[in-house]
Amino acid sequence: QVQLVESGGGLVQPGGSLTLSCTASGTSFCVRPMAWYRQAQDDERELVATITVGSTPYYKNAVKGRFTISRDNAKNTVTLQMNSLQPADTAVYYCNKVSKLWTWGKGTQVTVSS
């Protein structure tokens, strides 16, 4: 069974940065497109960024130019570098495949507040 583990969240002031990491046990990322999602309180989960097997990224408009998704297939890790964070980025962040989703991990809380 696949277990996803997200880490790196925290409390940061507006304009600050965080780096989120995602690893998995029970499977390998290297042959799958991967994604970061987020869910703010009382909102639905939304797609934030995706990355192909060949490392081509896609970003939700609201995070373009501020977030960078990357992957290390050898380490079975997907990373989301988040810069210029805004209060609207406050959410629980999750990683998963782009389609045929695995069971969600616990996510990592990102809170942007002064």
C-alpha atoms as a PDB file:
ATOM      1  CA  GLN A   1       0.000   0.000   0.000  1.00  0.00           C
ATOM      2  CA  VAL A   2       1.280   3.431  -0.938  1.00  0.00           C
ATOM      3  CA  GLN A   3       1.850   5.891   1.874  1.00  0.00           C
ATOM      4  CA  LEU A   4       2.480   9.522   1.032  1.00  0.00           C
ATOM      5  CA  VAL A   5       4.302  11.723   3.511  1.00  0.00           C
ATOM      6  CA  GLU A   6       4.404  15.490   3.148  1.00  0.00           C
ATOM      7  CA  SER A   7       6.631  17.732   5.248  1.00  0.00           C
ATOM      8  CA  GLY A   8       8.077  21.207   5.466  1.00  0.00           C
ATOM      9  CA  GLY A   9       5.041  23.288   6.320  1.00  0.00           C
ATOM     10  CA  GLY A  10       4.886  25.895   9.026  1.00  0.00           C
ATOM     11  CA  LEU A  11       3.997  29.435   9.976  1.00  0.00           C
ATOM     12  CA  VAL A  12       5.566  32.149   7.861  1.00  0.00           C
ATOM     13  CA  GLN A  13       5.050  35.860   7.434  1.00  0.00           C
ATOM     14  CA  PRO A  14       3.744  37.279   4.168  1.00  0.00           C
ATOM     15  CA  GLY A  15       6.569  37.449   1.668  1.00  0.00           C
ATOM     16  CA  GLY A  16       8.355  34.531   3.255  1.00  0.00           C
ATOM     17  CA  SER A  17       9.368  31.180   1.816  1.00  0.00           C
ATOM     18  CA  LEU A  18       8.891  27.505   2.565  1.00  0.00           C
ATOM     19  CA  THR A  19      10.022  24.309   0.897  1.00  0.00           C
ATOM     20  CA  LEU A  20       7.683  21.337   0.989  1.00  0.00           C
ATOM     21  CA  SER A  21       8.809  17.769   0.386  1.00  0.00           C
ATOM     22  CA  CYS A  22       6.897  14.624  -0.453  1.00  0.00           C
ATOM     23  CA  THR A  23       8.097  11.067  -0.251  1.00  0.00           C
ATOM     24  CA  ALA A  24       6.314   7.763  -0.650  1.00  0.00           C
ATOM     25  CA  SER A  25       6.700   4.258   0.579  1.00  0.00           C
ATOM     26  CA  GLY A  26       5.425   1.288  -1.328  1.00  0.00           C
ATOM     27  CA  THR A  27       5.889   2.760  -4.761  1.00  0.00           C
ATOM     28  CA  SER A  28       8.169   4.772  -6.988  1.00  0.00           C
ATOM     29  CA  PHE A  29       7.450   8.250  -8.321  1.00  0.00           C
ATOM     30  CA  CYS A  30       9.829   8.015 -11.198  1.00  0.00           C
ATOM     31  CA  VAL A  31       7.393   6.746 -13.829  1.00  0.00           C
ATOM     32  CA  ARG A  32       4.443   8.934 -12.851  1.00  0.00           C
ATOM     33  CA  PRO A  33       3.461  12.558 -13.271  1.00  0.00           C
ATOM     34  CA  MET A  34       3.138  14.031  -9.795  1.00  0.00           C
ATOM     35  CA  ALA A  35       1.312  16.995  -8.319  1.00  0.00           C
ATOM     36  CA  TRP A  36       0.914  19.221  -5.325  1.00  0.00           C
ATOM     37  CA  TYR A  37      -2.583  20.071  -4.147  1.00  0.00           C
ATOM     38  CA  ARG A  38      -3.862  22.252  -1.345  1.00  0.00           C
ATOM     39  CA  GLN A  39      -7.020  22.585   0.677  1.00  0.00           C
ATOM     40  CA  ALA A  40      -7.866  25.711   2.591  1.00  0.00           C
ATOM     41  CA  GLN A  41     -10.316  25.573   5.463  1.00  0.00           C
ATOM     42  CA  ASP A  42     -13.895  25.257   4.189  1.00  0.00           C
ATOM     43  CA  ASP A  43     -12.695  24.956   0.588  1.00  0.00           C
ATOM     44  CA  GLU A  44     -12.317  22.062  -1.801  1.00  0.00           C
ATOM     45  CA  ARG A  45      -8.919  20.614  -2.539  1.00  0.00           C
ATOM     46  CA  GLU A  46      -7.337  22.236  -5.570  1.00  0.00           C
ATOM     47  CA  LEU A  47      -4.451  21.494  -7.876  1.00  0.00           C
ATOM     48  CA  VAL A  48      -1.465  23.776  -7.351  1.00  0.00           C
ATOM     49  CA  ALA A  49       1.288  22.392  -9.574  1.00  0.00           C
ATOM     50  CA  THR A  50       2.169  19.313 -11.580  1.00  0.00           C
ATOM     51  CA  ILE A  51       5.378  17.871 -12.947  1.00  0.00           C
ATOM     52  CA  THR A  52       5.791  15.339 -15.713  1.00  0.00           C
ATOM     53  CA  VAL A  53       8.155  12.396 -15.624  1.00  0.00           C
ATOM     54  CA  GLY A  54      10.523  14.521 -17.679  1.00  0.00           C
ATOM     55  CA  SER A  55      10.200  17.401 -15.168  1.00  0.00           C
ATOM     56  CA  THR A  56       8.022  19.735 -17.235  1.00  0.00           C
ATOM     57  CA  PRO A  57       6.042  21.823 -14.746  1.00  0.00           C
ATOM     58  CA  TYR A  58       2.540  23.279 -14.772  1.00  0.00           C
ATOM     59  CA  TYR A  59       1.282  25.853 -12.275  1.00  0.00           C
ATOM     60  CA  LYS A  60      -2.046  27.208 -11.175  1.00  0.00           C
ATOM     61  CA  ASN A  61      -2.170  30.861 -12.269  1.00  0.00           C
ATOM     62  CA  ALA A  62      -2.259  32.136  -8.703  1.00  0.00           C
ATOM     63  CA  VAL A  63       1.155  30.628  -7.907  1.00  0.00           C
ATOM     64  CA  LYS A  64       2.993  31.153 -11.204  1.00  0.00           C
ATOM     65  CA  GLY A  65       6.277  32.921 -10.703  1.00  0.00           C
ATOM     66  CA  ARG A  66       6.251  32.207  -6.966  1.00  0.00           C
ATOM     67  CA  PHE A  67       6.205  28.405  -6.659  1.00  0.00           C
ATOM     68  CA  THR A  68       8.592  25.901  -8.205  1.00  0.00           C
ATOM     69  CA  ILE A  69       7.881  22.181  -8.402  1.00  0.00           C
ATOM     70  CA  SER A  70      10.725  19.744  -8.860  1.00  0.00           C
ATOM     71  CA  ARG A  71      11.407  16.052  -8.543  1.00  0.00           C
ATOM     72  CA  ASP A  72      14.293  13.764  -7.726  1.00  0.00           C
ATOM     73  CA  ASN A  73      13.413  10.363  -9.099  1.00  0.00           C
ATOM     74  CA  ALA A  74      16.473   8.745  -7.555  1.00  0.00           C
ATOM     75  CA  LYS A  75      15.370   9.899  -4.110  1.00  0.00           C
ATOM     76  CA  ASN A  76      11.667   9.328  -4.817  1.00  0.00           C
ATOM     77  CA  THR A  77      10.939  12.896  -3.769  1.00  0.00           C
ATOM     78  CA  VAL A  78       8.816  15.720  -5.099  1.00  0.00           C
ATOM     79  CA  THR A  79       9.472  19.234  -3.803  1.00  0.00           C
ATOM     80  CA  LEU A  80       7.520  22.488  -3.868  1.00  0.00           C
ATOM     81  CA  GLN A  81       9.561  25.635  -3.315  1.00  0.00           C
ATOM     82  CA  MET A  82       7.222  28.438  -2.320  1.00  0.00           C
ATOM     83  CA  ASN A  83       8.375  32.063  -2.368  1.00  0.00           C
ATOM     84  CA  SER A  84       6.595  35.375  -1.825  1.00  0.00           C
ATOM     85  CA  LEU A  85       3.945  33.598   0.204  1.00  0.00           C
ATOM     86  CA  GLN A  86       0.613  35.331   0.689  1.00  0.00           C
ATOM     87  CA  PRO A  87      -2.165  34.796   3.241  1.00  0.00           C
ATOM     88  CA  ALA A  88      -4.244  33.266   0.412  1.00  0.00           C
ATOM     89  CA  ASP A  89      -1.666  30.443   0.250  1.00  0.00           C
ATOM     90  CA  THR A  90      -2.685  29.275   3.724  1.00  0.00           C
ATOM     91  CA  ALA A  91      -3.843  25.674   3.399  1.00  0.00           C
ATOM     92  CA  VAL A  92      -2.933  22.060   4.001  1.00  0.00           C
ATOM     93  CA  TYR A  93      -0.693  20.939   1.163  1.00  0.00           C
ATOM     94  CA  TYR A  94      -0.728  17.406  -0.226  1.00  0.00           C
ATOM     95  CA  CYS A  95       1.121  15.548  -2.920  1.00  0.00           C
ATOM     96  CA  ASN A  96      -0.308  12.806  -5.101  1.00  0.00           C
ATOM     97  CA  LYS A  97      -0.382  11.567  -8.653  1.00  0.00           C
ATOM     98  CA  VAL A  98      -2.045  13.617 -11.360  1.00  0.00           C
ATOM     99  CA  SER A  99      -4.671  10.930 -11.981  1.00  0.00           C
ATOM    100  CA  LYS A 100      -5.809   7.630 -10.466  1.00  0.00           C
ATOM    101  CA  LEU A 101      -4.964   9.084  -7.088  1.00  0.00           C
ATOM    102  CA  TRP A 102      -3.441   7.171  -4.262  1.00  0.00           C
ATOM    103  CA  THR A 103      -4.863   7.430  -0.764  1.00  0.00           C
ATOM    104  CA  TRP A 104      -4.131  10.914   0.512  1.00  0.00           C
ATOM    105  CA  GLY A 105      -1.441  11.493   3.080  1.00  0.00           C
ATOM    106  CA  LYS A 106      -1.907  13.719   6.100  1.00  0.00           C
ATOM    107  CA  GLY A 107      -0.576  16.753   4.310  1.00  0.00           C
ATOM    108  CA  THR A 108       1.464  19.573   5.759  1.00  0.00           C
ATOM    109  CA  GLN A 109      -0.040  22.795   7.096  1.00  0.00           C
ATOM    110  CA  VAL A 110       1.148  26.082   5.632  1.00  0.00           C
ATOM    111  CA  THR A 111       0.020  29.218   7.437  1.00  0.00           C
ATOM    112  CA  VAL A 112       0.919  32.647   6.086  1.00  0.00           C
ATOM    113  CA  SER A 113       0.186  35.314   8.624  1.00  0.00           C
ATOM    114  CA  SER A 114       1.739  38.359  10.224  1.00  0.00           C
END
